[in-house]
Amino acid sequence: MIQDYMDSALQYAVYDKLADNSFSGEIPKCPGTIAFGQTLEACRQELKAALQDWLISALRHGDDLPVINGLDLNRPEKNMP
């Protein structure tokens, strides 16, 4: 389920070509996930690693995670009113 969540989150990635011809990428649904690379593919790989680190940190600290494409990794007690 975690891999499905990551794959879904990466579908929302936004990439920009920078003035020095390198790339930046971020996933707006996952605040704080940002990466840079000399090529678009390098940026994609860095963003995937950043997302993984972000997700591990959020899960360890019990942070609220966005529901992405119906995938909810939040603890059940956080889903109750």
Protein backbone atom coordinates (compact mmCIF):
# COMPACT_ATOMS: atom_id res chain seq x y z
CA MET A 1 0.00 0.00 0.00
CA ILE A 2 2.90 2.38 0.69
CA GLN A 3 4.28 1.84 -2.81
CA ASP A 4 0.82 2.49 -4.27
CA TYR A 5 0.64 5.70 -2.22
CA MET A 6 4.04 6.83 -3.48
CA ASP A 7 3.16 6.00 -7.09
CA SER A 8 -0.08 7.97 -6.75
CA ALA A 9 1.64 10.95 -5.15
CA LEU A 10 4.28 11.03 -7.89
CA GLN A 11 1.49 11.43 -10.46
CA TYR A 12 0.98 14.93 -9.02
CA ALA A 13 4.63 15.94 -9.34
CA VAL A 14 5.31 19.30 -10.97
CA TYR A 15 8.65 19.91 -12.68
CA ASP A 16 10.25 23.16 -13.78
CA LYS A 17 13.29 23.82 -15.91
CA LEU A 18 15.51 26.35 -14.16
CA ALA A 19 17.61 29.16 -15.64
CA ASP A 20 20.78 27.05 -15.47
CA ASN A 21 18.99 24.25 -17.41
CA SER A 22 18.71 22.03 -14.34
CA PHE A 23 15.31 20.92 -13.01
CA SER A 24 13.29 21.28 -9.85
CA GLY A 25 10.37 19.13 -8.84
CA GLU A 26 7.78 19.14 -6.10
CA ILE A 27 4.61 17.34 -5.08
CA PRO A 28 2.14 20.01 -3.94
CA LYS A 29 -0.11 17.43 -2.25
CA CYS A 30 2.86 16.46 -0.03
CA PRO A 31 4.15 19.76 1.40
CA GLY A 32 7.92 19.94 1.68
CA THR A 33 8.73 17.39 -1.00
CA ILE A 34 11.11 19.16 -3.34
CA ALA A 35 14.11 18.03 -5.34
CA PHE A 36 16.63 19.25 -7.87
CA GLY A 37 18.62 17.52 -10.59
CA GLN A 38 20.83 18.31 -13.55
CA THR A 39 18.46 16.31 -15.77
CA LEU A 40 14.73 15.70 -15.59
CA GLU A 41 15.32 12.02 -14.85
CA ALA A 42 17.79 12.85 -12.06
CA CYS A 43 15.23 15.24 -10.60
CA ARG A 44 12.53 12.55 -10.76
CA GLN A 45 14.76 10.10 -8.89
CA GLU A 46 15.63 12.71 -6.25
CA LEU A 47 11.96 13.61 -5.84
CA LYS A 48 11.07 9.95 -5.36
CA ALA A 49 13.72 9.71 -2.62
CA ALA A 50 12.47 12.96 -1.04
CA LEU A 51 8.91 11.60 -1.03
CA GLN A 52 10.06 8.39 0.61
CA ASP A 53 11.91 10.32 3.33
CA TRP A 54 8.93 12.64 3.83
CA LEU A 55 6.57 9.69 4.13
CA ILE A 56 8.76 7.78 6.60
CA SER A 57 9.14 10.88 8.77
CA ALA A 58 5.40 11.60 8.72
CA LEU A 59 4.52 8.02 9.64
CA ARG A 60 7.06 7.93 12.47
CA HIS A 61 5.79 11.18 13.94
CA GLY A 62 2.10 10.43 13.44
CA ASP A 63 1.62 13.43 11.16
CA ASP A 64 -1.56 13.72 9.12
CA LEU A 65 -1.01 12.54 5.57
CA PRO A 66 -3.05 13.69 2.60
CA VAL A 67 -5.41 11.10 1.14
CA ILE A 68 -4.26 10.60 -2.44
CA ASN A 69 -6.47 8.85 -5.00
CA GLY A 70 -8.43 7.27 -2.16
CA LEU A 71 -5.29 5.92 -0.45
CA ASP A 72 -5.29 6.82 3.24
CA LEU A 73 -2.21 5.92 5.30
CA ASN A 74 -3.38 7.73 8.42
CA ARG A 75 -3.85 5.74 11.59
CA PRO A 76 -7.47 4.65 12.09
CA GLU A 77 -7.88 6.74 15.26
CA LYS A 78 -7.09 9.86 13.21
CA ASN A 79 -9.95 9.02 10.84
CA MET A 80 -12.58 9.11 13.59
CA PRO A 81 -14.56 12.31 14.25
